[in-house]
Amino acid sequence: MKSFRLHTISTVALTIAAFITSGCGEAEVDPGFAVVPAQGVVMQNGSPLPNATISFIPAQQLAPGYYGCGGVTDAEGKFTLSVGTQEGAVAGSYKVIVSKLTDKCGNPLDTASLEEGMDLEQLKMQGQVKEAIPPKFSNPNKSILAIDIPSDGSSELKLEISS
């Protein structure tokens, strides 16, 4: 039963991350959202963390219909948050999830090479894909990362994680 719960939680987290970072198929952002600039960097053991998915989940409801924002780090660990197709985030407090999937050898995951019809959860269950970030940063129920985005935004958000 516990593995089913963890599988369900992982599936929900990945779905939220995909929804946030995908642009939602040109979905329009609610005009009631006060979106502010939000950029930063993720460091792991003092070094930039490239190719990681970052999900910001509101600690409480910040705006009706707003479920969070996300982004992907570049080679220097830098990210720009976005809501759908609009860059930025709603100001407020967030729980943060950092995820970086690798193949079974620890190499960066090349999603283009995945077998047709296979999803990430199936590949995880088969041991073909693994999470490279410890659960205290990558698991939505265990993440200890929290951050506030100020009302005027920030270009200096900094997330520090360890192995």
N, C-alpha and C. Protein backbone atom coordinates (compact mmCIF):
# COMPACT_ATOMS: atom_id res chain seq x y z
N MET A 1 0.82 -1.20 0.00
CA MET A 1 0.00 0.00 0.00
C MET A 1 0.86 1.26 0.00
N LYS A 2 1.99 1.20 0.78
CA LYS A 2 2.88 2.35 0.85
C LYS A 2 3.48 2.66 -0.52
N SER A 3 3.89 1.62 -1.28
CA SER A 3 4.48 1.87 -2.59
C SER A 3 3.44 2.46 -3.55
N PHE A 4 2.18 2.06 -3.41
CA PHE A 4 1.13 2.65 -4.25
C PHE A 4 0.99 4.13 -3.94
N ARG A 5 1.03 4.48 -2.63
CA ARG A 5 0.90 5.88 -2.23
C ARG A 5 2.08 6.70 -2.78
N LEU A 6 3.31 6.17 -2.64
CA LEU A 6 4.47 6.88 -3.16
C LEU A 6 4.39 7.03 -4.67
N HIS A 7 3.94 5.96 -5.36
CA HIS A 7 3.78 6.03 -6.81
C HIS A 7 2.77 7.11 -7.18
N THR A 8 1.66 7.16 -6.45
CA THR A 8 0.63 8.16 -6.73
C THR A 8 1.16 9.57 -6.47
N ILE A 9 1.88 9.75 -5.37
CA ILE A 9 2.44 11.06 -5.04
C ILE A 9 3.43 11.48 -6.11
N SER A 10 4.30 10.56 -6.53
CA SER A 10 5.29 10.88 -7.58
C SER A 10 4.59 11.26 -8.88
N THR A 11 3.55 10.51 -9.23
CA THR A 11 2.81 10.79 -10.46
C THR A 11 2.19 12.18 -10.40
N VAL A 12 1.59 12.53 -9.26
CA VAL A 12 0.96 13.84 -9.11
C VAL A 12 2.02 14.93 -9.21
N ALA A 13 3.17 14.75 -8.56
CA ALA A 13 4.23 15.76 -8.60
C ALA A 13 4.74 15.95 -10.02
N LEU A 14 4.98 14.87 -10.73
CA LEU A 14 5.46 14.99 -12.11
C LEU A 14 4.41 15.62 -13.01
N THR A 15 3.14 15.31 -12.77
CA THR A 15 2.06 15.92 -13.56
C THR A 15 2.01 17.42 -13.32
N ILE A 16 2.13 17.83 -12.05
CA ILE A 16 2.13 19.25 -11.73
C ILE A 16 3.32 19.93 -12.39
N ALA A 17 4.50 19.32 -12.29
CA ALA A 17 5.70 19.91 -12.90
C ALA A 17 5.54 20.04 -14.41
N ALA A 18 5.00 18.99 -15.05
CA ALA A 18 4.80 19.04 -16.50
C ALA A 18 3.79 20.11 -16.87
N PHE A 19 2.72 20.23 -16.09
CA PHE A 19 1.68 21.22 -16.33
C PHE A 19 2.26 22.63 -16.22
N ILE A 20 3.04 22.85 -15.17
CA ILE A 20 3.59 24.17 -14.91
C ILE A 20 4.60 24.57 -15.98
N THR A 21 5.48 23.64 -16.37
CA THR A 21 6.57 24.00 -17.27
C THR A 21 6.21 23.87 -18.74
N SER A 22 5.08 23.25 -19.07
CA SER A 22 4.76 22.99 -20.46
C SER A 22 4.15 24.17 -21.19
N GLY A 23 3.65 25.14 -20.45
CA GLY A 23 2.97 26.25 -21.11
C GLY A 23 1.50 25.95 -21.27
N CYS A 24 1.07 24.79 -20.90
CA CYS A 24 -0.35 24.41 -20.88
C CYS A 24 -1.04 24.65 -22.21
N GLY A 25 -0.34 24.47 -23.31
CA GLY A 25 -0.96 24.61 -24.63
C GLY A 25 -1.51 25.98 -24.89
N GLU A 26 -0.73 27.00 -24.62
CA GLU A 26 -1.14 28.38 -24.88
C GLU A 26 -2.29 28.84 -23.98
N ALA A 27 -2.41 28.24 -22.80
CA ALA A 27 -3.45 28.68 -21.87
C ALA A 27 -3.17 30.12 -21.43
N GLU A 28 -4.21 30.89 -21.30
CA GLU A 28 -4.05 32.26 -20.87
C GLU A 28 -3.98 32.30 -19.35
N VAL A 29 -3.17 33.21 -18.83
CA VAL A 29 -3.06 33.40 -17.40
C VAL A 29 -4.22 34.29 -16.97
N ASP A 30 -4.85 33.94 -15.85
CA ASP A 30 -5.94 34.74 -15.30
C ASP A 30 -5.46 36.18 -15.14
N PRO A 31 -6.18 37.16 -15.70
CA PRO A 31 -5.74 38.55 -15.58
C PRO A 31 -5.68 39.03 -14.13
N GLY A 32 -6.30 38.30 -13.21
CA GLY A 32 -6.26 38.67 -11.80
C GLY A 32 -4.93 38.33 -11.14
N PHE A 33 -4.10 37.55 -11.80
CA PHE A 33 -2.81 37.19 -11.22
C PHE A 33 -1.86 38.39 -11.33
N ALA A 34 -1.29 38.78 -10.22
CA ALA A 34 -0.26 39.81 -10.24
C ALA A 34 1.07 39.07 -10.35
N VAL A 35 1.54 38.88 -11.58
CA VAL A 35 2.76 38.12 -11.83
C VAL A 35 3.96 39.07 -11.76
N VAL A 36 4.97 38.66 -10.99
CA VAL A 36 6.18 39.46 -10.84
C VAL A 36 7.37 38.66 -11.37
N PRO A 37 8.46 39.34 -11.76
CA PRO A 37 9.64 38.62 -12.25
C PRO A 37 10.19 37.68 -11.17
N ALA A 38 10.64 36.51 -11.58
CA ALA A 38 11.19 35.55 -10.61
C ALA A 38 12.25 34.69 -11.29
N GLN A 39 13.50 35.00 -11.00
CA GLN A 39 14.64 34.24 -11.53
C GLN A 39 15.56 33.90 -10.37
N GLY A 40 16.36 32.86 -10.58
CA GLY A 40 17.31 32.50 -9.54
C GLY A 40 18.27 31.43 -10.01
N VAL A 41 18.88 30.77 -9.03
CA VAL A 41 19.87 29.75 -9.30
C VAL A 41 19.71 28.61 -8.29
N VAL A 42 20.01 27.40 -8.74
CA VAL A 42 20.02 26.23 -7.86
C VAL A 42 21.46 25.75 -7.76
N MET A 43 21.92 25.61 -6.53
CA MET A 43 23.27 25.13 -6.27
C MET A 43 23.17 23.80 -5.53
N GLN A 44 23.99 22.82 -5.95
CA GLN A 44 24.06 21.54 -5.25
C GLN A 44 25.50 21.35 -4.80
N ASN A 45 25.69 21.26 -3.48
CA ASN A 45 27.03 21.13 -2.90
C ASN A 45 27.96 22.24 -3.39
N GLY A 46 27.42 23.45 -3.54
CA GLY A 46 28.22 24.60 -3.93
C GLY A 46 28.42 24.78 -5.42
N SER A 47 27.92 23.86 -6.24
CA SER A 47 28.06 23.97 -7.70
C SER A 47 26.70 24.15 -8.35
N PRO A 48 26.64 24.86 -9.48
CA PRO A 48 25.36 25.03 -10.19
C PRO A 48 24.77 23.66 -10.58
N LEU A 49 23.45 23.53 -10.47
CA LEU A 49 22.76 22.29 -10.83
C LEU A 49 22.08 22.48 -12.18
N PRO A 50 22.64 21.90 -13.26
CA PRO A 50 22.02 22.05 -14.58
C PRO A 50 20.90 21.04 -14.82
N ASN A 51 20.01 21.37 -15.74
CA ASN A 51 18.96 20.47 -16.25
C ASN A 51 18.05 19.89 -15.17
N ALA A 52 17.72 20.70 -14.19
CA ALA A 52 16.80 20.27 -13.13
C ALA A 52 15.46 20.97 -13.33
N THR A 53 14.39 20.28 -12.97
CA THR A 53 13.05 20.86 -13.01
C THR A 53 12.74 21.44 -11.64
N ILE A 54 12.29 22.69 -11.62
CA ILE A 54 11.99 23.39 -10.38
C ILE A 54 10.49 23.64 -10.35
N SER A 55 9.84 23.22 -9.26
CA SER A 55 8.40 23.46 -9.10
C SER A 55 8.17 24.25 -7.82
N PHE A 56 7.46 25.35 -7.94
CA PHE A 56 7.10 26.18 -6.79
C PHE A 56 5.62 25.95 -6.52
N ILE A 57 5.32 25.39 -5.35
CA ILE A 57 3.94 25.08 -4.96
C ILE A 57 3.54 26.06 -3.86
N PRO A 58 2.48 26.84 -4.07
CA PRO A 58 2.09 27.84 -3.06
C PRO A 58 1.83 27.20 -1.69
N ALA A 59 2.34 27.86 -0.64
CA ALA A 59 2.12 27.37 0.73
C ALA A 59 0.66 27.55 1.13
N GLN A 60 -0.01 28.53 0.52
CA GLN A 60 -1.44 28.75 0.69
C GLN A 60 -1.96 29.34 -0.61
N GLN A 61 -3.27 29.42 -0.76
CA GLN A 61 -3.81 29.95 -2.02
C GLN A 61 -3.42 31.42 -2.17
N LEU A 62 -2.74 31.72 -3.26
CA LEU A 62 -2.28 33.08 -3.52
C LEU A 62 -3.22 33.84 -4.44
N ALA A 63 -3.90 33.13 -5.33
CA ALA A 63 -4.85 33.74 -6.25
C ALA A 63 -5.78 32.63 -6.74
N PRO A 64 -7.07 32.94 -6.96
CA PRO A 64 -7.99 31.90 -7.45
C PRO A 64 -7.50 31.28 -8.75
N GLY A 65 -7.45 29.96 -8.79
CA GLY A 65 -7.05 29.25 -9.99
C GLY A 65 -5.54 29.17 -10.20
N TYR A 66 -4.75 29.71 -9.28
CA TYR A 66 -3.29 29.68 -9.41
C TYR A 66 -2.75 28.51 -8.59
N TYR A 67 -2.02 27.61 -9.26
CA TYR A 67 -1.54 26.40 -8.59
C TYR A 67 -0.03 26.32 -8.49
N GLY A 68 0.67 27.35 -8.90
CA GLY A 68 2.11 27.36 -8.80
C GLY A 68 2.78 27.71 -10.10
N CYS A 69 4.10 27.61 -10.09
CA CYS A 69 4.89 27.97 -11.25
C CYS A 69 6.13 27.08 -11.28
N GLY A 70 6.88 27.16 -12.34
CA GLY A 70 8.06 26.31 -12.41
C GLY A 70 9.00 26.74 -13.51
N GLY A 71 10.07 25.99 -13.62
CA GLY A 71 11.07 26.26 -14.63
C GLY A 71 12.08 25.13 -14.70
N VAL A 72 13.07 25.32 -15.55
CA VAL A 72 14.14 24.34 -15.74
C VAL A 72 15.45 25.10 -15.65
N THR A 73 16.43 24.51 -14.96
CA THR A 73 17.72 25.18 -14.85
C THR A 73 18.55 24.99 -16.12
N ASP A 74 19.35 26.00 -16.42
CA ASP A 74 20.25 25.92 -17.57
C ASP A 74 21.60 25.34 -17.13
N ALA A 75 22.59 25.39 -17.98
CA ALA A 75 23.91 24.81 -17.69
C ALA A 75 24.58 25.45 -16.47
N GLU A 76 24.18 26.69 -16.15
CA GLU A 76 24.75 27.40 -15.01
C GLU A 76 23.86 27.33 -13.77
N GLY A 77 22.82 26.47 -13.81
CA GLY A 77 21.91 26.32 -12.68
C GLY A 77 20.88 27.43 -12.56
N LYS A 78 20.84 28.33 -13.54
CA LYS A 78 19.92 29.47 -13.49
C LYS A 78 18.55 29.06 -14.03
N PHE A 79 17.51 29.68 -13.47
CA PHE A 79 16.14 29.41 -13.92
C PHE A 79 15.34 30.69 -13.95
N THR A 80 14.30 30.68 -14.78
CA THR A 80 13.28 31.73 -14.81
C THR A 80 11.95 31.02 -14.61
N LEU A 81 11.22 31.43 -13.60
CA LEU A 81 9.92 30.82 -13.34
C LEU A 81 8.89 31.31 -14.35
N SER A 82 7.91 30.46 -14.63
CA SER A 82 6.82 30.86 -15.52
C SER A 82 5.53 30.21 -15.07
N VAL A 83 4.45 30.88 -15.45
CA VAL A 83 3.09 30.41 -15.22
C VAL A 83 2.49 30.26 -16.61
N GLY A 84 2.29 29.02 -17.05
CA GLY A 84 1.83 28.81 -18.41
C GLY A 84 2.87 29.37 -19.36
N THR A 85 2.48 30.28 -20.23
CA THR A 85 3.41 30.87 -21.19
C THR A 85 3.96 32.21 -20.72
N GLN A 86 3.54 32.66 -19.55
CA GLN A 86 3.96 33.97 -19.04
C GLN A 86 5.09 33.80 -18.03
N GLU A 87 6.18 34.52 -18.25
CA GLU A 87 7.29 34.47 -17.30
C GLU A 87 6.92 35.20 -16.02
N GLY A 88 7.35 34.62 -14.89
CA GLY A 88 7.12 35.24 -13.60
C GLY A 88 6.36 34.32 -12.67
N ALA A 89 5.99 34.86 -11.53
CA ALA A 89 5.28 34.11 -10.49
C ALA A 89 4.42 35.06 -9.69
N VAL A 90 3.47 34.53 -8.97
CA VAL A 90 2.67 35.32 -8.05
C VAL A 90 3.49 35.45 -6.76
N ALA A 91 3.58 36.67 -6.22
CA ALA A 91 4.33 36.89 -4.99
C ALA A 91 3.72 36.08 -3.85
N GLY A 92 4.56 35.55 -2.99
CA GLY A 92 4.07 34.79 -1.84
C GLY A 92 5.05 33.72 -1.40
N SER A 93 4.59 32.87 -0.49
CA SER A 93 5.42 31.80 0.08
C SER A 93 5.19 30.49 -0.67
N TYR A 94 6.27 29.75 -0.89
CA TYR A 94 6.20 28.51 -1.66
C TYR A 94 7.00 27.39 -1.00
N LYS A 95 6.52 26.16 -1.22
CA LYS A 95 7.33 24.97 -1.02
C LYS A 95 7.97 24.72 -2.38
N VAL A 96 9.24 24.30 -2.39
CA VAL A 96 9.96 24.13 -3.64
C VAL A 96 10.38 22.67 -3.81
N ILE A 97 10.19 22.18 -5.02
CA ILE A 97 10.58 20.82 -5.38
C ILE A 97 11.65 20.94 -6.47
N VAL A 98 12.77 20.24 -6.29
CA VAL A 98 13.84 20.20 -7.29
C VAL A 98 13.98 18.75 -7.73
N SER A 99 13.88 18.51 -9.02
CA SER A 99 13.95 17.16 -9.55
C SER A 99 14.91 17.09 -10.72
N LYS A 100 15.69 16.02 -10.76
CA LYS A 100 16.58 15.79 -11.89
C LYS A 100 16.61 14.29 -12.13
N LEU A 101 16.01 13.87 -13.23
CA LEU A 101 15.95 12.45 -13.56
C LEU A 101 17.15 12.06 -14.40
N THR A 102 17.67 10.86 -14.11
CA THR A 102 18.81 10.33 -14.85
C THR A 102 18.48 8.91 -15.31
N ASP A 103 19.30 8.40 -16.22
CA ASP A 103 19.14 7.00 -16.60
C ASP A 103 19.75 6.13 -15.51
N LYS A 104 19.67 4.82 -15.66
CA LYS A 104 20.12 3.93 -14.59
C LYS A 104 21.61 4.02 -14.32
N CYS A 105 22.38 4.60 -15.24
CA CYS A 105 23.83 4.77 -15.05
C CYS A 105 24.18 6.13 -14.46
N GLY A 106 23.16 6.96 -14.24
CA GLY A 106 23.39 8.29 -13.68
C GLY A 106 23.61 9.37 -14.70
N ASN A 107 23.46 9.04 -15.98
CA ASN A 107 23.62 10.04 -17.04
C ASN A 107 22.34 10.86 -17.18
N PRO A 108 22.45 12.11 -17.63
CA PRO A 108 21.25 12.92 -17.84
C PRO A 108 20.24 12.18 -18.71
N LEU A 109 18.99 12.28 -18.37
CA LEU A 109 17.93 11.58 -19.09
C LEU A 109 17.67 12.26 -20.43
N ASP A 110 17.71 11.48 -21.49
CA ASP A 110 17.38 11.96 -22.84
C ASP A 110 15.97 11.48 -23.15
N THR A 111 14.99 12.36 -22.94
CA THR A 111 13.59 11.96 -23.14
C THR A 111 13.29 11.61 -24.59
N ALA A 112 14.09 12.10 -25.52
CA ALA A 112 13.88 11.78 -26.94
C ALA A 112 14.16 10.30 -27.21
N SER A 113 14.98 9.68 -26.37
CA SER A 113 15.34 8.29 -26.61
C SER A 113 14.41 7.30 -25.89
N LEU A 114 13.40 7.80 -25.19
CA LEU A 114 12.48 6.91 -24.49
C LEU A 114 11.67 6.08 -25.48
N GLU A 115 11.39 4.85 -25.09
CA GLU A 115 10.57 3.99 -25.94
C GLU A 115 9.18 4.57 -26.08
N GLU A 116 8.62 4.46 -27.27
CA GLU A 116 7.28 4.96 -27.52
C GLU A 116 6.29 4.24 -26.60
N GLY A 117 5.40 5.01 -26.00
CA GLY A 117 4.38 4.44 -25.13
C GLY A 117 4.82 4.28 -23.68
N MET A 118 6.08 4.52 -23.37
CA MET A 118 6.58 4.40 -22.00
C MET A 118 6.50 5.77 -21.33
N ASP A 119 6.03 5.80 -20.10
CA ASP A 119 6.07 7.06 -19.37
C ASP A 119 7.14 6.95 -18.28
N LEU A 120 7.45 8.08 -17.68
CA LEU A 120 8.53 8.11 -16.69
C LEU A 120 8.25 7.23 -15.49
N GLU A 121 7.01 7.15 -15.06
CA GLU A 121 6.69 6.29 -13.91
C GLU A 121 6.97 4.83 -14.21
N GLN A 122 6.63 4.38 -15.42
CA GLN A 122 6.91 3.00 -15.80
C GLN A 122 8.42 2.76 -15.82
N LEU A 123 9.16 3.69 -16.35
CA LEU A 123 10.60 3.54 -16.42
C LEU A 123 11.24 3.56 -15.02
N LYS A 124 10.70 4.37 -14.12
CA LYS A 124 11.18 4.37 -12.73
C LYS A 124 10.95 3.01 -12.09
N MET A 125 9.75 2.47 -12.28
CA MET A 125 9.41 1.18 -11.68
C MET A 125 10.31 0.07 -12.22
N GLN A 126 10.77 0.19 -13.44
CA GLN A 126 11.64 -0.81 -14.05
C GLN A 126 13.12 -0.56 -13.73
N GLY A 127 13.42 0.53 -13.05
CA GLY A 127 14.79 0.84 -12.71
C GLY A 127 15.58 1.48 -13.84
N GLN A 128 14.89 1.90 -14.90
CA GLN A 128 15.56 2.51 -16.05
C GLN A 128 15.80 4.02 -15.84
N VAL A 129 15.02 4.62 -14.95
CA VAL A 129 15.12 6.05 -14.66
C VAL A 129 15.13 6.20 -13.15
N LYS A 130 15.97 7.13 -12.66
CA LYS A 130 15.99 7.37 -11.22
C LYS A 130 16.08 8.86 -10.93
N GLU A 131 15.66 9.21 -9.74
CA GLU A 131 15.72 10.59 -9.28
C GLU A 131 17.11 10.82 -8.70
N ALA A 132 17.81 11.84 -9.19
CA ALA A 132 19.17 12.12 -8.75
C ALA A 132 19.22 13.02 -7.51
N ILE A 133 18.09 13.62 -7.17
CA ILE A 133 18.04 14.56 -6.05
C ILE A 133 17.43 13.85 -4.84
N PRO A 134 18.02 14.01 -3.65
CA PRO A 134 17.47 13.36 -2.45
C PRO A 134 16.01 13.76 -2.20
N PRO A 135 15.22 12.84 -1.61
CA PRO A 135 13.80 13.11 -1.36
C PRO A 135 13.52 14.37 -0.53
N LYS A 136 14.45 14.77 0.34
CA LYS A 136 14.20 15.96 1.15
C LYS A 136 14.14 17.24 0.30
N PHE A 137 14.48 17.11 -0.99
CA PHE A 137 14.37 18.23 -1.93
C PHE A 137 13.45 17.92 -3.11
N SER A 138 13.30 16.63 -3.45
CA SER A 138 12.57 16.24 -4.67
C SER A 138 11.18 15.68 -4.42
N ASN A 139 10.89 15.27 -3.21
CA ASN A 139 9.58 14.67 -2.90
C ASN A 139 8.63 15.76 -2.39
N PRO A 140 7.48 15.94 -3.02
CA PRO A 140 6.55 16.99 -2.60
C PRO A 140 6.12 16.88 -1.13
N ASN A 141 6.08 15.68 -0.59
CA ASN A 141 5.68 15.52 0.81
C ASN A 141 6.83 15.66 1.80
N LYS A 142 8.07 15.63 1.31
CA LYS A 142 9.22 15.68 2.21
C LYS A 142 10.12 16.89 2.01
N SER A 143 9.90 17.66 0.96
CA SER A 143 10.81 18.76 0.66
C SER A 143 10.90 19.75 1.81
N ILE A 144 12.14 20.09 2.15
CA ILE A 144 12.38 21.07 3.20
C ILE A 144 12.65 22.46 2.62
N LEU A 145 12.60 22.55 1.30
CA LEU A 145 12.86 23.83 0.64
C LEU A 145 11.62 24.72 0.68
N ALA A 146 11.84 25.95 1.08
CA ALA A 146 10.77 26.95 1.09
C ALA A 146 11.39 28.28 0.71
N ILE A 147 10.61 29.11 0.05
CA ILE A 147 11.13 30.41 -0.37
C ILE A 147 9.97 31.39 -0.50
N ASP A 148 10.26 32.66 -0.28
CA ASP A 148 9.28 33.72 -0.47
C ASP A 148 9.67 34.52 -1.70
N ILE A 149 8.68 34.80 -2.54
CA ILE A 149 8.89 35.69 -3.68
C ILE A 149 8.28 37.03 -3.27
N PRO A 150 9.11 38.08 -3.21
CA PRO A 150 8.60 39.39 -2.76
C PRO A 150 7.62 40.01 -3.75
N SER A 151 6.86 40.98 -3.26
CA SER A 151 5.81 41.60 -4.08
C SER A 151 6.35 42.32 -5.30
N ASP A 152 7.62 42.70 -5.29
CA ASP A 152 8.22 43.34 -6.46
C ASP A 152 9.05 42.37 -7.30
N GLY A 153 9.01 41.08 -6.95
CA GLY A 153 9.74 40.06 -7.69
C GLY A 153 11.19 39.98 -7.25
N SER A 154 11.94 39.09 -7.88
CA SER A 154 13.35 38.92 -7.55
C SER A 154 14.08 38.26 -8.71
N SER A 155 15.31 38.69 -8.92
CA SER A 155 16.18 38.03 -9.89
C SER A 155 17.30 37.31 -9.16
N GLU A 156 17.19 37.21 -7.84
CA GLU A 156 18.25 36.64 -7.02
C GLU A 156 17.75 35.52 -6.11
N LEU A 157 16.75 34.77 -6.53
CA LEU A 157 16.30 33.63 -5.74
C LEU A 157 17.42 32.60 -5.72
N LYS A 158 17.71 32.05 -4.55
CA LYS A 158 18.81 31.08 -4.46
C LYS A 158 18.34 29.86 -3.67
N LEU A 159 18.50 28.70 -4.30
CA LEU A 159 18.16 27.44 -3.67
C LEU A 159 19.44 26.64 -3.48
N GLU A 160 19.71 26.22 -2.26
CA GLU A 160 20.88 25.42 -1.94
C GLU A 160 20.43 24.04 -1.54
N ILE A 161 20.96 23.02 -2.24
CA ILE A 161 20.66 21.64 -1.88
C ILE A 161 21.97 20.87 -1.75
N SER A 162 21.88 19.70 -1.11
CA SER A 162 23.05 18.85 -0.96
C SER A 162 22.73 17.45 -1.48
N SER A 163 23.77 16.66 -1.66
CA SER A 163 23.58 15.28 -2.14
C SER A 163 23.09 14.38 -1.04
